[in-house]
Amino acid sequence: MFAGSIANRDRLVRVCVKDAVIPKCSAVKLITRNPARIMGLSYKGEIKIGCYADIVIFEDDVNIKGVIHQGEVVEYSKFL
């Protein structure tokens, strides 16, 4: 669907949820945990002890509202 494209991950989640009718939680795992595991990055792609604190906060419509990178807020959001 997007092979070789420059689609952002938030767009990919929206497409998975709206067009492919994939539950939001599953769509997020598809674009975070699964690629990290394929690349052998056990410290990425999940929120758990030992993982980098990289978190994207978005609304129900998957519009990004905030970003936390390695535990530091890098984009301010009204939700933080």
N, C-alpha and C. Protein backbone atom coordinates (compact mmCIF):
# COMPACT_ATOMS: atom_id res chain seq x y z
N MET A 1 0.81 -1.18 0.00
CA MET A 1 0.00 0.00 0.00
C MET A 1 0.86 1.25 0.00
N PHE A 2 1.89 1.31 0.89
CA PHE A 2 2.74 2.50 0.98
C PHE A 2 4.22 2.16 0.78
N ALA A 3 4.52 1.01 0.22
CA ALA A 3 5.92 0.61 0.03
C ALA A 3 6.65 1.67 -0.79
N GLY A 4 7.77 2.10 -0.28
CA GLY A 4 8.57 3.09 -0.98
C GLY A 4 8.03 4.51 -0.89
N SER A 5 6.99 4.71 -0.10
CA SER A 5 6.43 6.05 0.00
C SER A 5 7.08 6.81 1.14
N ILE A 6 6.66 8.06 1.30
CA ILE A 6 7.16 8.87 2.41
C ILE A 6 6.03 9.17 3.39
N ALA A 7 5.06 8.26 3.48
CA ALA A 7 3.93 8.45 4.39
C ALA A 7 4.41 8.46 5.83
N ASN A 8 3.91 9.43 6.60
CA ASN A 8 4.23 9.51 8.02
C ASN A 8 3.48 8.41 8.77
N ARG A 9 4.01 8.04 9.93
CA ARG A 9 3.39 6.96 10.69
C ARG A 9 1.99 7.31 11.16
N ASP A 10 1.73 8.57 11.48
CA ASP A 10 0.37 8.92 11.88
C ASP A 10 -0.61 8.70 10.73
N ARG A 11 -0.17 8.99 9.53
CA ARG A 11 -1.03 8.74 8.36
C ARG A 11 -1.26 7.24 8.18
N LEU A 12 -0.22 6.45 8.38
CA LEU A 12 -0.37 5.00 8.25
C LEU A 12 -1.36 4.45 9.26
N VAL A 13 -1.32 4.97 10.49
CA VAL A 13 -2.29 4.53 11.50
C VAL A 13 -3.70 4.91 11.06
N ARG A 14 -3.89 6.13 10.58
CA ARG A 14 -5.22 6.55 10.11
C ARG A 14 -5.73 5.66 8.99
N VAL A 15 -4.87 5.31 8.04
CA VAL A 15 -5.27 4.44 6.93
C VAL A 15 -5.64 3.05 7.45
N CYS A 16 -4.84 2.52 8.36
CA CYS A 16 -5.14 1.20 8.94
C CYS A 16 -6.50 1.21 9.63
N VAL A 17 -6.76 2.26 10.41
CA VAL A 17 -7.99 2.33 11.20
C VAL A 17 -9.20 2.60 10.30
N LYS A 18 -9.09 3.58 9.42
CA LYS A 18 -10.25 3.99 8.63
C LYS A 18 -10.49 3.09 7.41
N ASP A 19 -9.45 2.78 6.67
CA ASP A 19 -9.62 2.04 5.42
C ASP A 19 -9.58 0.53 5.62
N ALA A 20 -8.66 0.06 6.45
CA ALA A 20 -8.52 -1.38 6.65
C ALA A 20 -9.32 -1.89 7.85
N VAL A 21 -9.95 -0.97 8.59
CA VAL A 21 -10.78 -1.28 9.75
C VAL A 21 -10.01 -2.14 10.77
N ILE A 22 -8.78 -1.74 11.01
CA ILE A 22 -7.93 -2.38 12.02
C ILE A 22 -8.10 -1.60 13.32
N PRO A 23 -8.28 -2.28 14.45
CA PRO A 23 -8.40 -1.55 15.73
C PRO A 23 -7.17 -0.66 15.95
N LYS A 24 -7.41 0.51 16.54
CA LYS A 24 -6.33 1.49 16.73
C LYS A 24 -5.12 0.92 17.46
N CYS A 25 -5.35 0.16 18.52
CA CYS A 25 -4.24 -0.42 19.27
C CYS A 25 -3.41 -1.35 18.39
N SER A 26 -4.06 -2.15 17.58
CA SER A 26 -3.35 -3.06 16.66
C SER A 26 -2.60 -2.27 15.60
N ALA A 27 -3.19 -1.20 15.10
CA ALA A 27 -2.54 -0.39 14.08
C ALA A 27 -1.27 0.25 14.63
N VAL A 28 -1.32 0.74 15.86
CA VAL A 28 -0.14 1.34 16.47
C VAL A 28 0.97 0.29 16.63
N LYS A 29 0.61 -0.91 17.05
CA LYS A 29 1.61 -1.98 17.16
C LYS A 29 2.23 -2.31 15.81
N LEU A 30 1.42 -2.28 14.76
CA LEU A 30 1.93 -2.57 13.42
C LEU A 30 3.03 -1.60 13.00
N ILE A 31 2.93 -0.36 13.42
CA ILE A 31 3.92 0.63 12.96
C ILE A 31 4.96 0.98 14.03
N THR A 32 4.89 0.34 15.19
CA THR A 32 5.88 0.62 16.24
C THR A 32 6.60 -0.65 16.66
N ARG A 33 5.91 -1.53 17.35
CA ARG A 33 6.54 -2.73 17.90
C ARG A 33 7.06 -3.67 16.82
N ASN A 34 6.24 -3.94 15.83
CA ASN A 34 6.65 -4.91 14.81
C ASN A 34 7.91 -4.49 14.06
N PRO A 35 8.01 -3.25 13.55
CA PRO A 35 9.26 -2.85 12.88
C PRO A 35 10.47 -2.88 13.82
N ALA A 36 10.26 -2.48 15.07
CA ALA A 36 11.37 -2.51 16.03
C ALA A 36 11.89 -3.94 16.22
N ARG A 37 10.98 -4.88 16.33
CA ARG A 37 11.37 -6.29 16.50
C ARG A 37 12.10 -6.82 15.26
N ILE A 38 11.60 -6.48 14.10
CA ILE A 38 12.23 -6.93 12.85
C ILE A 38 13.65 -6.41 12.76
N MET A 39 13.88 -5.17 13.24
CA MET A 39 15.21 -4.57 13.18
C MET A 39 16.07 -4.93 14.39
N GLY A 40 15.54 -5.74 15.30
CA GLY A 40 16.31 -6.16 16.47
C GLY A 40 16.46 -5.07 17.53
N LEU A 41 15.55 -4.11 17.56
CA LEU A 41 15.62 -3.00 18.51
C LEU A 41 14.67 -3.28 19.67
N SER A 42 15.10 -4.11 20.59
CA SER A 42 14.24 -4.52 21.70
C SER A 42 13.92 -3.37 22.65
N TYR A 43 14.65 -2.27 22.57
CA TYR A 43 14.45 -1.12 23.45
C TYR A 43 13.53 -0.07 22.81
N LYS A 44 12.92 -0.40 21.68
CA LYS A 44 12.03 0.53 20.97
C LYS A 44 10.69 -0.14 20.72
N GLY A 45 9.66 0.66 20.47
CA GLY A 45 8.39 0.15 20.00
C GLY A 45 7.37 -0.22 21.05
N GLU A 46 7.73 -0.13 22.33
CA GLU A 46 6.80 -0.46 23.40
C GLU A 46 7.02 0.49 24.58
N ILE A 47 6.01 0.57 25.43
CA ILE A 47 6.15 1.33 26.67
C ILE A 47 6.31 0.31 27.78
N LYS A 48 7.55 0.13 28.22
CA LYS A 48 7.84 -0.81 29.30
C LYS A 48 9.23 -0.51 29.86
N ILE A 49 9.53 -1.06 31.00
CA ILE A 49 10.83 -0.86 31.63
C ILE A 49 11.92 -1.34 30.69
N GLY A 50 12.94 -0.51 30.52
CA GLY A 50 14.07 -0.85 29.67
C GLY A 50 13.96 -0.30 28.25
N CYS A 51 12.80 0.22 27.90
CA CYS A 51 12.61 0.80 26.57
C CYS A 51 12.83 2.31 26.64
N TYR A 52 13.22 2.88 25.50
CA TYR A 52 13.32 4.33 25.41
C TYR A 52 11.95 4.93 25.66
N ALA A 53 11.92 6.07 26.30
CA ALA A 53 10.65 6.75 26.56
C ALA A 53 10.30 7.65 25.38
N ASP A 54 10.06 7.03 24.23
CA ASP A 54 9.65 7.75 23.03
C ASP A 54 8.15 7.52 22.86
N ILE A 55 7.38 8.58 23.01
CA ILE A 55 5.93 8.45 23.00
C ILE A 55 5.33 9.56 22.14
N VAL A 56 4.37 9.19 21.30
CA VAL A 56 3.61 10.17 20.53
C VAL A 56 2.19 10.16 21.08
N ILE A 57 1.70 11.34 21.41
CA ILE A 57 0.36 11.47 21.97
C ILE A 57 -0.54 12.03 20.86
N PHE A 58 -1.64 11.31 20.60
CA PHE A 58 -2.54 11.77 19.56
C PHE A 58 -3.99 11.63 19.99
N GLU A 59 -4.86 12.37 19.30
CA GLU A 59 -6.29 12.34 19.57
C GLU A 59 -6.91 11.13 18.90
N ASP A 60 -8.20 10.94 19.11
CA ASP A 60 -8.91 9.81 18.51
C ASP A 60 -8.77 9.78 16.99
N ASP A 61 -8.67 10.95 16.37
CA ASP A 61 -8.54 11.00 14.91
C ASP A 61 -7.09 10.87 14.45
N VAL A 62 -6.19 10.53 15.35
CA VAL A 62 -4.77 10.28 15.11
C VAL A 62 -4.03 11.54 14.65
N ASN A 63 -4.49 12.71 15.06
CA ASN A 63 -3.72 13.94 14.88
C ASN A 63 -2.78 14.07 16.05
N ILE A 64 -1.50 14.25 15.77
CA ILE A 64 -0.48 14.29 16.81
C ILE A 64 -0.63 15.56 17.65
N LYS A 65 -0.60 15.39 18.97
CA LYS A 65 -0.73 16.50 19.90
C LYS A 65 0.52 16.72 20.73
N GLY A 66 1.38 15.73 20.82
CA GLY A 66 2.59 15.89 21.62
C GLY A 66 3.58 14.78 21.35
N VAL A 67 4.85 15.07 21.65
CA VAL A 67 5.92 14.09 21.45
C VAL A 67 6.84 14.11 22.67
N ILE A 68 7.16 12.93 23.15
CA ILE A 68 8.14 12.76 24.22
C ILE A 68 9.25 11.89 23.66
N HIS A 69 10.49 12.39 23.70
CA HIS A 69 11.64 11.65 23.17
C HIS A 69 12.62 11.40 24.30
N GLN A 70 12.89 10.14 24.58
CA GLN A 70 13.77 9.72 25.66
C GLN A 70 13.41 10.41 26.97
N GLY A 71 12.10 10.49 27.22
CA GLY A 71 11.61 11.03 28.48
C GLY A 71 11.48 12.53 28.53
N GLU A 72 11.84 13.24 27.47
CA GLU A 72 11.77 14.71 27.46
C GLU A 72 10.69 15.17 26.47
N VAL A 73 9.87 16.13 26.90
CA VAL A 73 8.86 16.69 26.00
C VAL A 73 9.58 17.52 24.94
N VAL A 74 9.35 17.20 23.68
CA VAL A 74 9.99 17.95 22.60
C VAL A 74 8.99 18.78 21.80
N GLU A 75 7.71 18.51 21.99
CA GLU A 75 6.66 19.34 21.42
C GLU A 75 5.58 19.48 22.49
N TYR A 76 5.26 20.73 22.81
CA TYR A 76 4.27 20.96 23.85
C TYR A 76 2.87 20.64 23.34
N SER A 77 2.06 20.08 24.20
CA SER A 77 0.68 19.77 23.85
C SER A 77 -0.22 20.11 25.03
N LYS A 78 -1.44 20.46 24.74
CA LYS A 78 -2.38 20.75 25.82
C LYS A 78 -2.70 19.49 26.63
N PHE A 79 -2.34 18.32 26.11
CA PHE A 79 -2.61 17.07 26.82
C PHE A 79 -1.49 16.66 27.76
N LEU A 80 -0.38 17.36 27.74
CA LEU A 80 0.76 16.98 28.60
C LEU A 80 0.69 17.70 29.93
